[in-house]
PDB file of N, CA and C in Angstrom:
ATOM      1  N   MET A   1      79.455 143.566  66.031  1.00  0.00           N
ATOM      2  CA  MET A   1      80.272 144.502  66.819  1.00  0.00           C
ATOM      3  C   MET A   1      80.743 145.463  65.395  1.00  0.00           C
ATOM      4  N   ASN A   2      81.205 146.635  64.779  1.00  0.00           N
ATOM      5  CA  ASN A   2      81.138 146.641  63.922  1.00  0.00           C
ATOM      6  C   ASN A   2      82.886 147.163  64.716  1.00  0.00           C
ATOM      7  N   TYR A   3      83.976 146.884  63.477  1.00  0.00           N
ATOM      8  CA  TYR A   3      85.482 147.141  63.630  1.00  0.00           C
ATOM      9  C   TYR A   3      86.003 148.396  63.082  1.00  0.00           C
ATOM     10  N   ARG A   4      86.990 148.945  63.405  1.00  0.00           N
ATOM     11  CA  ARG A   4      87.205 150.181  62.745  1.00  0.00           C
ATOM     12  C   ARG A   4      89.327 149.687  62.502  1.00  0.00           C
ATOM     13  N   THR A   5      90.160 149.969  61.610  1.00  0.00           N
ATOM     14  CA  THR A   5      91.454 149.649  61.554  1.00  0.00           C
ATOM     15  C   THR A   5      91.882 151.040  62.312  1.00  0.00           C
ATOM     16  N   PHE A   6      93.035 150.455  63.062  1.00  0.00           N
ATOM     17  CA  PHE A   6      93.433 151.635  64.120  1.00  0.00           C
ATOM     18  C   PHE A   6      94.635 151.555  63.531  1.00  0.00           C
ATOM     19  N   GLY A   7      94.613 153.170  62.398  1.00  0.00           N
ATOM     20  CA  GLY A   7      96.429 153.806  61.563  1.00  0.00           C
ATOM     21  C   GLY A   7      96.953 152.091  60.935  1.00  0.00           C
ATOM     22  N   LYS A   8      98.081 151.930  61.248  1.00  0.00           N
ATOM     23  CA  LYS A   8      99.359 151.033  60.330  1.00  0.00           C
ATOM     24  C   LYS A   8      98.938 150.083  61.125  1.00  0.00           C
ATOM     25  N   LEU A   9      98.644 149.938  62.718  1.00  0.00           N
ATOM     26  CA  LEU A   9      99.273 148.788  63.322  1.00  0.00           C
ATOM     27  C   LEU A   9      97.701 147.132  62.893  1.00  0.00           C
ATOM     28  N   ASP A  10      98.624 146.002  63.302  1.00  0.00           N
ATOM     29  CA  ASP A  10      97.912 145.264  62.876  1.00  0.00           C
ATOM     30  C   ASP A  10      96.411 145.387  63.792  1.00  0.00           C
ATOM     31  N   TRP A  11      95.756 146.195  64.336  1.00  0.00           N
ATOM     32  CA  TRP A  11      94.799 145.859  65.899  1.00  0.00           C
ATOM     33  C   TRP A  11      93.425 146.345  65.097  1.00  0.00           C
ATOM     34  N   LYS A  12      92.218 145.742  65.274  1.00  0.00           N
ATOM     35  CA  LYS A  12      91.380 146.485  65.215  1.00  0.00           C
ATOM     36  C   LYS A  12      90.233 146.536  66.080  1.00  0.00           C
ATOM     37  N   PRO A  13      89.966 147.602  66.823  1.00  0.00           N
ATOM     38  CA  PRO A  13      89.610 147.614  67.836  1.00  0.00           C
ATOM     39  C   PRO A  13      88.010 148.464  67.265  1.00  0.00           C
ATOM     40  N   SER A  14      87.039 148.462  68.626  1.00  0.00           N
ATOM     41  CA  SER A  14      85.199 147.581  68.347  1.00  0.00           C
ATOM     42  C   SER A  14      85.341 150.198  67.971  1.00  0.00           C
ATOM     43  N   ALA A  15      84.203 150.119  67.111  1.00  0.00           N
ATOM     44  CA  ALA A  15      83.900 151.437  66.741  1.00  0.00           C
ATOM     45  C   ALA A  15      83.584 152.284  67.902  1.00  0.00           C
ATOM     46  N   LEU A  16      83.465 151.734  68.976  1.00  0.00           N
ATOM     47  CA  LEU A  16      82.258 151.909  69.956  1.00  0.00           C
ATOM     48  C   LEU A  16      83.592 151.640  70.921  1.00  0.00           C
ATOM     49  N   GLY A  17      83.245 152.749  71.488  1.00  0.00           N
ATOM     50  CA  GLY A  17      84.882 152.613  73.086  1.00  0.00           C
ATOM     51  C   GLY A  17      83.773 153.261  74.120  1.00  0.00           C
ATOM     52  N   PHE A  18      84.340 153.183  74.916  1.00  0.00           N
ATOM     53  CA  PHE A  18      83.630 153.452  76.587  1.00  0.00           C
ATOM     54  C   PHE A  18      84.672 153.950  77.577  1.00  0.00           C
ATOM     55  N   GLY A  19      85.100 155.686  76.567  1.00  0.00           N
ATOM     56  CA  GLY A  19      85.589 156.380  77.779  1.00  0.00           C
ATOM     57  C   GLY A  19      85.431 157.074  79.105  1.00  0.00           C
ATOM     58  N   CYS A  20      83.134 156.765  78.459  1.00  0.00           N
ATOM     59  CA  CYS A  20      82.871 157.106  80.161  1.00  0.00           C
ATOM     60  C   CYS A  20      83.001 158.364  80.549  1.00  0.00           C
ATOM     61  N   MET A  21      82.766 159.251  79.065  1.00  0.00           N
ATOM     62  CA  MET A  21      82.304 161.105  79.649  1.00  0.00           C
ATOM     63  C   MET A  21      81.499 161.250  80.002  1.00  0.00           C
ATOM     64  N   ARG A  22      80.407 160.800  78.397  1.00  0.00           N
ATOM     65  CA  ARG A  22      79.181 160.553  78.440  1.00  0.00           C
ATOM     66  C   ARG A  22      78.696 159.800  78.267  1.00  0.00           C
ATOM     67  N   LEU A  23      77.914 159.311  79.631  1.00  0.00           N
ATOM     68  CA  LEU A  23      76.721 158.665  79.782  1.00  0.00           C
ATOM     69  C   LEU A  23      75.284 159.070  79.554  1.00  0.00           C
ATOM     70  N   PRO A  24      74.902 158.562  79.620  1.00  0.00           N
ATOM     71  CA  PRO A  24      73.014 158.406  79.183  1.00  0.00           C
ATOM     72  C   PRO A  24      72.410 159.183  80.414  1.00  0.00           C
ATOM     73  N   CYS A  25      72.116 159.890  79.849  1.00  0.00           N
ATOM     74  CA  CYS A  25      70.810 160.477  80.717  1.00  0.00           C
ATOM     75  C   CYS A  25      69.503 161.098  80.189  1.00  0.00           C
ATOM     76  N   ARG A  26      68.875 160.910  81.367  1.00  0.00           N
ATOM     77  CA  ARG A  26      67.222 160.312  81.765  1.00  0.00           C
ATOM     78  C   ARG A  26      66.314 161.697  80.494  1.00  0.00           C
ATOM     79  N   SER A  27      66.607 163.043  81.074  1.00  0.00           N
ATOM     80  CA  SER A  27      66.151 164.031  80.338  1.00  0.00           C
ATOM     81  C   SER A  27      67.164 164.072  78.600  1.00  0.00           C
ATOM     82  N   GLY A  28      67.649 163.490  78.576  1.00  0.00           N
ATOM     83  CA  GLY A  28      68.421 163.446  76.983  1.00  0.00           C
ATOM     84  C   GLY A  28      69.756 164.341  76.896  1.00  0.00           C
ATOM     85  N   GLY A  29      69.909 165.098  77.992  1.00  0.00           N
ATOM     86  CA  GLY A  29      71.179 166.260  78.212  1.00  0.00           C
ATOM     87  C   GLY A  29      71.581 165.540  78.662  1.00  0.00           C
ATOM     88  N   ASN A  30      73.223 166.128  79.200  1.00  0.00           N
ATOM     89  CA  ASN A  30      74.392 165.949  79.617  1.00  0.00           C
ATOM     90  C   ASN A  30      74.515 165.669  81.197  1.00  0.00           C
ATOM     91  N   SER A  31      73.459 166.301  81.770  1.00  0.00           N
ATOM     92  CA  SER A  31      74.416 166.559  82.898  1.00  0.00           C
ATOM     93  C   SER A  31      74.795 165.050  84.178  1.00  0.00           C
ATOM     94  N   GLY A  32      75.756 165.662  85.152  1.00  0.00           N
ATOM     95  CA  GLY A  32      75.885 163.948  85.073  1.00  0.00           C
ATOM     96  C   GLY A  32      74.568 163.716  86.318  1.00  0.00           C
ATOM     97  N   ALA A  33      74.436 165.246  86.979  1.00  0.00           N
ATOM     98  CA  ALA A  33      73.233 164.942  88.233  1.00  0.00           C
ATOM     99  C   ALA A  33      71.835 163.915  87.480  1.00  0.00           C
ATOM    100  N   ASP A  34      71.995 163.892  85.888  1.00  0.00           N
ATOM    101  CA  ASP A  34      70.403 162.835  85.874  1.00  0.00           C
ATOM    102  C   ASP A  34      70.580 162.029  85.322  1.00  0.00           C
ATOM    103  N   VAL A  35      72.467 161.677  85.685  1.00  0.00           N
ATOM    104  CA  VAL A  35      72.693 159.970  84.183  1.00  0.00           C
ATOM    105  C   VAL A  35      71.745 158.989  84.879  1.00  0.00           C
ATOM    106  N   ASP A  36      71.160 158.154  83.242  1.00  0.00           N
ATOM    107  CA  ASP A  36      69.859 157.174  83.741  1.00  0.00           C
ATOM    108  C   ASP A  36      70.961 156.014  84.175  1.00  0.00           C
ATOM    109  N   GLU A  37      71.338 155.800  85.547  1.00  0.00           N
ATOM    110  CA  GLU A  37      72.406 154.892  85.885  1.00  0.00           C
ATOM    111  C   GLU A  37      71.953 153.329  85.083  1.00  0.00           C
ATOM    112  N   GLU A  38      71.070 152.510  85.660  1.00  0.00           N
ATOM    113  CA  GLU A  38      70.618 151.390  85.275  1.00  0.00           C
ATOM    114  C   GLU A  38      70.547 150.927  83.499  1.00  0.00           C
ATOM    115  N   LEU A  39      70.589 152.250  82.841  1.00  0.00           N
ATOM    116  CA  LEU A  39      70.567 152.019  80.808  1.00  0.00           C
ATOM    117  C   LEU A  39      72.092 152.438  81.110  1.00  0.00           C
ATOM    118  N   ALA A  40      73.133 152.866  82.246  1.00  0.00           N
ATOM    119  CA  ALA A  40      74.498 153.392  81.615  1.00  0.00           C
ATOM    120  C   ALA A  40      75.071 151.692  81.902  1.00  0.00           C
ATOM    121  N   VAL A  41      74.500 151.587  83.305  1.00  0.00           N
ATOM    122  CA  VAL A  41      74.909 150.017  83.767  1.00  0.00           C
ATOM    123  C   VAL A  41      75.686 149.451  82.733  1.00  0.00           C
ATOM    124  N   ARG A  42      74.212 149.153  81.537  1.00  0.00           N
ATOM    125  CA  ARG A  42      73.401 148.000  80.870  1.00  0.00           C
ATOM    126  C   ARG A  42      74.647 148.203  80.148  1.00  0.00           C
ATOM    127  N   MET A  43      74.670 149.243  79.452  1.00  0.00           N
ATOM    128  CA  MET A  43      75.496 149.341  78.642  1.00  0.00           C
ATOM    129  C   MET A  43      77.289 149.099  79.249  1.00  0.00           C
ATOM    130  N   ILE A  44      77.653 149.334  79.805  1.00  0.00           N
ATOM    131  CA  ILE A  44      78.840 149.394  80.284  1.00  0.00           C
ATOM    132  C   ILE A  44      79.084 147.831  80.830  1.00  0.00           C
ATOM    133  N   ARG A  45      77.844 147.119  81.080  1.00  0.00           N
ATOM    134  CA  ARG A  45      77.613 146.090  80.721  1.00  0.00           C
ATOM    135  C   ARG A  45      78.396 144.788  79.149  1.00  0.00           C
ATOM    136  N   LEU A  46      77.583 145.260  78.570  1.00  0.00           N
ATOM    137  CA  LEU A  46      77.596 145.331  77.208  1.00  0.00           C
ATOM    138  C   LEU A  46      78.184 145.124  76.193  1.00  0.00           C
ATOM    139  N   GLY A  47      79.119 146.498  76.971  1.00  0.00           N
ATOM    140  CA  GLY A  47      81.267 145.704  76.504  1.00  0.00           C
ATOM    141  C   GLY A  47      81.968 145.156  77.030  1.00  0.00           C
ATOM    142  N   ILE A  48      81.795 144.290  78.878  1.00  0.00           N
ATOM    143  CA  ILE A  48      82.365 144.165  79.271  1.00  0.00           C
ATOM    144  C   ILE A  48      82.028 142.437  78.847  1.00  0.00           C
ATOM    145  N   ASP A  49      80.639 142.844  78.977  1.00  0.00           N
ATOM    146  CA  ASP A  49      80.432 140.569  78.339  1.00  0.00           C
ATOM    147  C   ASP A  49      80.917 140.955  77.488  1.00  0.00           C
ATOM    148  N   ARG A  50      81.442 141.618  76.217  1.00  0.00           N
ATOM    149  CA  ARG A  50      82.182 140.985  74.774  1.00  0.00           C
ATOM    150  C   ARG A  50      82.925 140.980  74.567  1.00  0.00           C
ATOM    151  N   GLY A  51      84.114 141.077  76.334  1.00  0.00           N
ATOM    152  CA  GLY A  51      85.539 141.168  76.251  1.00  0.00           C
ATOM    153  C   GLY A  51      86.718 142.200  76.436  1.00  0.00           C
ATOM    154  N   VAL A  52      86.146 143.289  76.656  1.00  0.00           N
ATOM    155  CA  VAL A  52      86.101 144.966  77.245  1.00  0.00           C
ATOM    156  C   VAL A  52      86.990 144.513  78.954  1.00  0.00           C
ATOM    157  N   ASN A  53      87.852 143.634  78.437  1.00  0.00           N
ATOM    158  CA  ASN A  53      88.704 143.621  80.092  1.00  0.00           C
ATOM    159  C   ASN A  53      89.440 144.095  81.046  1.00  0.00           C
ATOM    160  N   ILE A  54      90.524 144.430  80.033  1.00  0.00           N
ATOM    161  CA  ILE A  54      91.700 144.603  79.753  1.00  0.00           C
ATOM    162  C   ILE A  54      91.869 146.592  79.820  1.00  0.00           C
ATOM    163  N   PRO A  55      91.203 146.710  79.301  1.00  0.00           N
ATOM    164  CA  PRO A  55      90.893 148.596  79.993  1.00  0.00           C
ATOM    165  C   PRO A  55      90.138 148.447  81.211  1.00  0.00           C
ATOM    166  N   PHE A  56      89.520 147.572  81.364  1.00  0.00           N
ATOM    167  CA  PHE A  56      88.570 148.712  82.147  1.00  0.00           C
ATOM    168  C   PHE A  56      89.046 147.923  83.853  1.00  0.00           C
ATOM    169  N   ASN A  57      90.061 146.816  83.813  1.00  0.00           N
ATOM    170  CA  ASN A  57      91.045 146.704  85.399  1.00  0.00           C
ATOM    171  C   ASN A  57      92.646 147.839  85.201  1.00  0.00           C
ATOM    172  N   PHE A  58      92.357 147.740  83.642  1.00  0.00           N
ATOM    173  CA  PHE A  58      93.766 149.379  83.777  1.00  0.00           C
ATOM    174  C   PHE A  58      93.203 150.086  84.467  1.00  0.00           C
ATOM    175  N   GLU A  59      91.648 151.040  84.090  1.00  0.00           N
ATOM    176  CA  GLU A  59      91.370 151.719  84.476  1.00  0.00           C
ATOM    177  C   GLU A  59      91.098 152.087  86.608  1.00  0.00           C
ATOM    178  N   LEU A  60      90.260 150.948  86.434  1.00  0.00           N
ATOM    179  CA  LEU A  60      90.756 150.418  87.628  1.00  0.00           C
ATOM    180  C   LEU A  60      91.131 150.982  88.784  1.00  0.00           C
ATOM    181  N   TYR A  61      92.598 149.953  88.278  1.00  0.00           N
ATOM    182  CA  TYR A  61      94.609 150.061  88.994  1.00  0.00           C
ATOM    183  C   TYR A  61      94.415 151.257  89.008  1.00  0.00           C
ATOM    184  N   ASN A  62      94.455 151.841  87.773  1.00  0.00           N
ATOM    185  CA  ASN A  62      95.145 153.531  87.608  1.00  0.00           C
ATOM    186  C   ASN A  62      94.145 154.398  88.602  1.00  0.00           C
ATOM    187  N   ALA A  63      93.041 154.045  88.481  1.00  0.00           N
ATOM    188  CA  ALA A  63      92.163 154.954  89.194  1.00  0.00           C
ATOM    189  C   ALA A  63      92.880 154.560  90.690  1.00  0.00           C
ATOM    190  N   ALA A  64      92.862 153.511  91.409  1.00  0.00           N
ATOM    191  CA  ALA A  64      93.084 152.798  93.306  1.00  0.00           C
ATOM    192  C   ALA A  64      93.986 153.697  93.576  1.00  0.00           C
ATOM    193  N   VAL A  65      95.082 153.628  92.647  1.00  0.00           N
ATOM    194  CA  VAL A  65      96.964 153.803  92.827  1.00  0.00           C
ATOM    195  C   VAL A  65      96.295 155.475  92.512  1.00  0.00           C
ATOM    196  N   MET A  66      96.317 156.141  91.344  1.00  0.00           N
ATOM    197  CA  MET A  66      96.457 157.690  91.563  1.00  0.00           C
ATOM    198  C   MET A  66      95.302 158.633  93.126  1.00  0.00           C
ATOM    199  N   TYR A  67      94.439 158.034  92.703  1.00  0.00           N
ATOM    200  CA  TYR A  67      93.308 158.466  93.888  1.00  0.00           C
ATOM    201  C   TYR A  67      93.499 158.053  95.754  1.00  0.00           C
ATOM    202  N   ASP A  68      94.141 157.105  95.622  1.00  0.00           N
ATOM    203  CA  ASP A  68      93.883 157.007  96.495  1.00  0.00           C
ATOM    204  C   ASP A  68      93.259 156.160  97.172  1.00  0.00           C
ATOM    205  N   ASP A  69      92.424 155.555  96.321  1.00  0.00           N
ATOM    206  CA  ASP A  69      91.620 155.136  96.596  1.00  0.00           C
ATOM    207  C   ASP A  69      90.567 153.287  96.078  1.00  0.00           C
ATOM    208  N   ALA A  70      91.243 152.141  96.998  1.00  0.00           N
ATOM    209  CA  ALA A  70      91.143 151.314  96.334  1.00  0.00           C
ATOM    210  C   ALA A  70      89.903 151.062  96.748  1.00  0.00           C
ATOM    211  N   GLU A  71      89.398 151.197  97.931  1.00  0.00           N
ATOM    212  CA  GLU A  71      87.785 150.579  98.109  1.00  0.00           C
ATOM    213  C   GLU A  71      86.640 151.059  96.920  1.00  0.00           C
ATOM    214  N   THR A  72      86.327 152.195  96.456  1.00  0.00           N
ATOM    215  CA  THR A  72      85.763 152.305  95.447  1.00  0.00           C
ATOM    216  C   THR A  72      86.379 152.124  93.934  1.00  0.00           C
ATOM    217  N   ALA A  73      87.791 151.931  93.968  1.00  0.00           N
ATOM    218  CA  ALA A  73      87.878 150.744  92.822  1.00  0.00           C
ATOM    219  C   ALA A  73      87.392 149.080  93.104  1.00  0.00           C
ATOM    220  N   ARG A  74      88.294 148.479  94.425  1.00  0.00           N
ATOM    221  CA  ARG A  74      86.983 146.897  94.215  1.00  0.00           C
ATOM    222  C   ARG A  74      85.855 146.550  93.963  1.00  0.00           C
ATOM    223  N   PHE A  75      84.968 147.990  94.747  1.00  0.00           N
ATOM    224  CA  PHE A  75      83.743 148.282  94.958  1.00  0.00           C
ATOM    225  C   PHE A  75      83.309 147.542  92.791  1.00  0.00           C
ATOM    226  N   ARG A  76      83.834 148.522  92.219  1.00  0.00           N
ATOM    227  CA  ARG A  76      83.650 148.872  90.543  1.00  0.00           C
ATOM    228  C   ARG A  76      84.106 147.191  89.970  1.00  0.00           C
ATOM    229  N   TYR A  77      85.029 147.258  90.722  1.00  0.00           N
ATOM    230  CA  TYR A  77      86.065 145.724  90.299  1.00  0.00           C
ATOM    231  C   TYR A  77      84.733 145.085  90.394  1.00  0.00           C
ATOM    232  N   GLY A  78      83.630 144.379  91.468  1.00  0.00           N
ATOM    233  CA  GLY A  78      82.580 143.237  92.016  1.00  0.00           C
ATOM    234  C   GLY A  78      81.380 143.284  91.320  1.00  0.00           C
ATOM    235  N   ARG A  79      81.306 144.714  91.820  1.00  0.00           N
ATOM    236  CA  ARG A  79      79.825 145.112  90.827  1.00  0.00           C
ATOM    237  C   ARG A  79      79.563 144.737  89.390  1.00  0.00           C
ATOM    238  N   PHE A  80      80.712 145.271  88.534  1.00  0.00           N
ATOM    239  CA  PHE A  80      80.316 145.599  86.874  1.00  0.00           C
ATOM    240  C   PHE A  80      81.566 144.887  86.400  1.00  0.00           C
ATOM    241  N   MET A  81      82.702 143.610  87.514  1.00  0.00           N
ATOM    242  CA  MET A  81      83.114 142.972  86.316  1.00  0.00           C
ATOM    243  C   MET A  81      82.537 141.159  86.560  1.00  0.00           C
ATOM    244  N   ALA A  82      82.393 140.561  85.999  1.00  0.00           N
ATOM    245  CA  ALA A  82      82.418 138.996  85.971  1.00  0.00           C
ATOM    246  C   ALA A  82      83.385 138.725  86.596  1.00  0.00           C
ATOM    247  N   GLU A  83      83.356 137.086  87.316  1.00  0.00           N
ATOM    248  CA  GLU A  83      84.589 136.513  87.539  1.00  0.00           C
ATOM    249  C   GLU A  83      86.005 136.480  86.295  1.00  0.00           C
ATOM    250  N   GLY A  84      85.621 135.732  85.068  1.00  0.00           N
ATOM    251  CA  GLY A  84      86.152 135.245  84.422  1.00  0.00           C
ATOM    252  C   GLY A  84      86.429 136.316  83.770  1.00  0.00           C
ATOM    253  N   GLU A  85      86.123 138.006  83.825  1.00  0.00           N
ATOM    254  CA  GLU A  85      86.646 139.366  83.021  1.00  0.00           C
ATOM    255  C   GLU A  85      87.673 139.466  83.821  1.00  0.00           C
ATOM    256  N   ARG A  86      87.969 139.388  85.351  1.00  0.00           N
ATOM    257  CA  ARG A  86      88.844 140.081  86.027  1.00  0.00           C
ATOM    258  C   ARG A  86      90.150 139.635  85.617  1.00  0.00           C
ATOM    259  N   ALA A  87      91.465 140.890  85.914  1.00  0.00           N
ATOM    260  CA  ALA A  87      92.581 140.515  86.321  1.00  0.00           C
ATOM    261  C   ALA A  87      93.198 139.421  86.364  1.00  0.00           C
ATOM    262  N   SER A  88      93.027 138.837  87.794  1.00  0.00           N
ATOM    263  CA  SER A  88      92.679 137.320  88.170  1.00  0.00           C
ATOM    264  C   SER A  88      91.822 135.820  87.007  1.00  0.00           C
ATOM    265  N   ALA A  89      91.445 136.470  86.517  1.00  0.00           N
ATOM    266  CA  ALA A  89      91.631 135.740  85.469  1.00  0.00           C
ATOM    267  C   ALA A  89      92.914 135.425  83.851  1.00  0.00           C
ATOM    268  N   CYS A  90      93.467 136.384  83.689  1.00  0.00           N
ATOM    269  CA  CYS A  90      94.328 136.408  82.844  1.00  0.00           C
ATOM    270  C   CYS A  90      95.379 135.035  83.339  1.00  0.00           C
ATOM    271  N   VAL A  91      95.325 134.893  81.656  1.00  0.00           N
ATOM    272  CA  VAL A  91      96.598 133.598  82.316  1.00  0.00           C
ATOM    273  C   VAL A  91      98.422 134.443  81.614  1.00  0.00           C
ATOM    274  N   ALA A  92      98.438 135.129  80.980  1.00  0.00           N
ATOM    275  CA  ALA A  92      99.460 135.730  80.972  1.00  0.00           C
ATOM    276  C   ALA A  92      99.821 134.846  79.227  1.00  0.00           C
ATOM    277  N   CYS A  93      99.177 134.938  79.056  1.00  0.00           N
ATOM    278  CA  CYS A  93      99.096 134.341  77.082  1.00  0.00           C
ATOM    279  C   CYS A  93      99.729 134.658  76.054  1.00  0.00           C
ATOM    280  N   GLY A  94     100.139 136.401  76.424  1.00  0.00           N
ATOM    281  CA  GLY A  94     100.858 137.293  75.503  1.00  0.00           C
ATOM    282  C   GLY A  94     100.209 137.515  74.178  1.00  0.00           C
ATOM    283  N   ALA A  95      98.885 137.050  73.890  1.00  0.00           N
ATOM    284  CA  ALA A  95      98.016 137.055  72.684  1.00  0.00           C
ATOM    285  C   ALA A  95      97.410 138.646  72.787  1.00  0.00           C
ATOM    286  N   CYS A  96      97.584 139.768  74.196  1.00  0.00           N
ATOM    287  CA  CYS A  96      96.887 140.590  73.478  1.00  0.00           C
ATOM    288  C   CYS A  96      97.921 141.301  73.400  1.00  0.00           C
ATOM    289  N   GLU A  97      99.723 141.624  74.170  1.00  0.00           N
ATOM    290  CA  GLU A  97     100.517 142.509  74.320  1.00  0.00           C
ATOM    291  C   GLU A  97     100.611 143.055  72.945  1.00  0.00           C
ATOM    292  N   SER A  98     100.605 141.942  71.860  1.00  0.00           N
ATOM    293  CA  SER A  98     101.136 142.642  70.336  1.00  0.00           C
ATOM    294  C   SER A  98     100.304 143.301  69.650  1.00  0.00           C
ATOM    295  N   LYS A  99      98.867 143.593  70.172  1.00  0.00           N
ATOM    296  CA  LYS A  99      97.477 144.453  69.647  1.00  0.00           C
ATOM    297  C   LYS A  99      97.371 146.082  70.726  1.00  0.00           C
ATOM    298  N   CYS A 100      98.901 145.380  71.470  1.00  0.00           N
ATOM    299  CA  CYS A 100      98.414 147.460  72.365  1.00  0.00           C
ATOM    300  C   CYS A 100      99.242 148.354  71.367  1.00  0.00           C
ATOM    301  N   PRO A 101      98.307 149.256  71.416  1.00  0.00           N
ATOM    302  CA  PRO A 101     100.018 150.326  70.580  1.00  0.00           C
ATOM    303  C   PRO A 101     100.614 151.173  72.319  1.00  0.00           C
ATOM    304  N   GLN A 102      99.941 150.945  73.049  1.00  0.00           N
ATOM    305  CA  GLN A 102     100.907 151.749  74.249  1.00  0.00           C
ATOM    306  C   GLN A 102     101.635 150.633  74.900  1.00  0.00           C
ATOM    307  N   LYS A 103     101.782 149.494  73.633  1.00  0.00           N
ATOM    308  CA  LYS A 103     103.330 148.441  74.648  1.00  0.00           C
ATOM    309  C   LYS A 103     103.505 148.019  75.776  1.00  0.00           C
ATOM    310  N   ILE A 104     102.529 147.963  75.789  1.00  0.00           N
ATOM    311  CA  ILE A 104     101.853 147.998  78.146  1.00  0.00           C
ATOM    312  C   ILE A 104     102.645 146.358  77.782  1.00  0.00           C
ATOM    313  N   HIS A 105     102.887 145.488  78.616  1.00  0.00           N
ATOM    314  CA  HIS A 105     103.345 144.043  79.148  1.00  0.00           C
ATOM    315  C   HIS A 105     102.078 143.895  80.505  1.00  0.00           C
ATOM    316  N   ILE A 106     101.114 144.041  79.350  1.00  0.00           N
ATOM    317  CA  ILE A 106      99.719 143.264  80.310  1.00  0.00           C
ATOM    318  C   ILE A 106     100.231 142.273  80.957  1.00  0.00           C
ATOM    319  N   GLY A 107     100.928 141.040  80.584  1.00  0.00           N
ATOM    320  CA  GLY A 107     100.661 140.054  81.423  1.00  0.00           C
ATOM    321  C   GLY A 107     101.204 139.993  82.550  1.00  0.00           C
ATOM    322  N   GLY A 108     102.381 141.622  83.295  1.00  0.00           N
ATOM    323  CA  GLY A 108     102.886 141.332  84.112  1.00  0.00           C
ATOM    324  C   GLY A 108     101.597 142.125  84.859  1.00  0.00           C
ATOM    325  N   TRP A 109     101.501 143.076  84.415  1.00  0.00           N
ATOM    326  CA  TRP A 109     100.756 143.370  84.547  1.00  0.00           C
ATOM    327  C   TRP A 109      99.428 143.462  85.537  1.00  0.00           C
ATOM    328  N   MET A 110      98.685 142.176  84.847  1.00  0.00           N
ATOM    329  CA  MET A 110      97.373 142.490  85.093  1.00  0.00           C
ATOM    330  C   MET A 110      97.456 141.495  86.616  1.00  0.00           C
ATOM    331  N   PRO A 111      98.719 140.452  86.371  1.00  0.00           N
ATOM    332  CA  PRO A 111      98.517 140.192  88.278  1.00  0.00           C
ATOM    333  C   PRO A 111      98.100 140.942  89.696  1.00  0.00           C
ATOM    334  N   LYS A 112      99.343 142.829  89.082  1.00  0.00           N
ATOM    335  CA  LYS A 112      99.408 143.311  90.191  1.00  0.00           C
ATOM    336  C   LYS A 112      97.733 143.818  90.529  1.00  0.00           C
ATOM    337  N   ALA A 113      97.127 144.542  89.310  1.00  0.00           N
ATOM    338  CA  ALA A 113      95.832 144.436  89.306  1.00  0.00           C
ATOM    339  C   ALA A 113      94.693 143.838  90.135  1.00  0.00           C
ATOM    340  N   ALA A 114      95.235 142.311  89.996  1.00  0.00           N
ATOM    341  CA  ALA A 114      94.221 141.457  90.611  1.00  0.00           C
ATOM    342  C   ALA A 114      94.474 141.359  92.062  1.00  0.00           C
ATOM    343  N   ALA A 115      95.952 142.266  92.836  1.00  0.00           N
ATOM    344  CA  ALA A 115      96.389 141.871  93.846  1.00  0.00           C
ATOM    345  C   ALA A 115      95.795 143.424  94.372  1.00  0.00           C
ATOM    346  N   LEU A 116      96.060 144.486  93.933  1.00  0.00           N
ATOM    347  CA  LEU A 116      94.396 144.775  94.990  1.00  0.00           C
ATOM    348  C   LEU A 116      93.791 145.458  94.349  1.00  0.00           C
ATOM    349  N   LEU A 117      93.079 145.110  93.421  1.00  0.00           N
ATOM    350  CA  LEU A 117      91.270 144.985  92.912  1.00  0.00           C
ATOM    351  C   LEU A 117      90.626 143.997  94.473  1.00  0.00           C
ATOM    352  N   GLY A 118      91.737 143.076  94.394  1.00  0.00           N
ATOM    353  CA  GLY A 118      91.077 141.338  95.320  1.00  0.00           C
ATOM    354  C   GLY A 118      91.273 139.639  94.767  1.00  0.00           C
ATOM    355  N   GLY A 119      91.580 140.025  93.652  1.00  0.00           N
ATOM    356  CA  GLY A 119      92.097 138.140  93.006  1.00  0.00           C
ATOM    357  C   GLY A 119      90.840 138.402  92.517  1.00  0.00           C
ATOM    358  N   SER A 120      89.953 136.944  92.450  1.00  0.00           N
ATOM    359  CA  SER A 120      88.950 136.933  91.834  1.00  0.00           C
ATOM    360  C   SER A 120      87.940 137.232  92.207  1.00  0.00           C
TER     361      SER A 120
END
């Protein structure tokens, strides 16, 4: 994986980010109705399998709270995340917090995410 310097921070994120605004389409276009779901799931799983767990946990937690839809977030949590990648696997060691550009207390939020999304 390729990494880039992130401003003046001592943090090097991967060059590829998954905001999922554009997922691969079967026809090569960009219509949401034409998403190649099998390829999209493989791409997202690849990112998760390489350790992209904190952002996805937060994405699911935020979606559950903002849209009052914990059921959908729990489905995505169970479908797309292996047990060791879930918020419940966080040991609150604090190693990730110094790298967080938003200065989020990740160790404090992961247990909340785990409780809402279904634990392990």
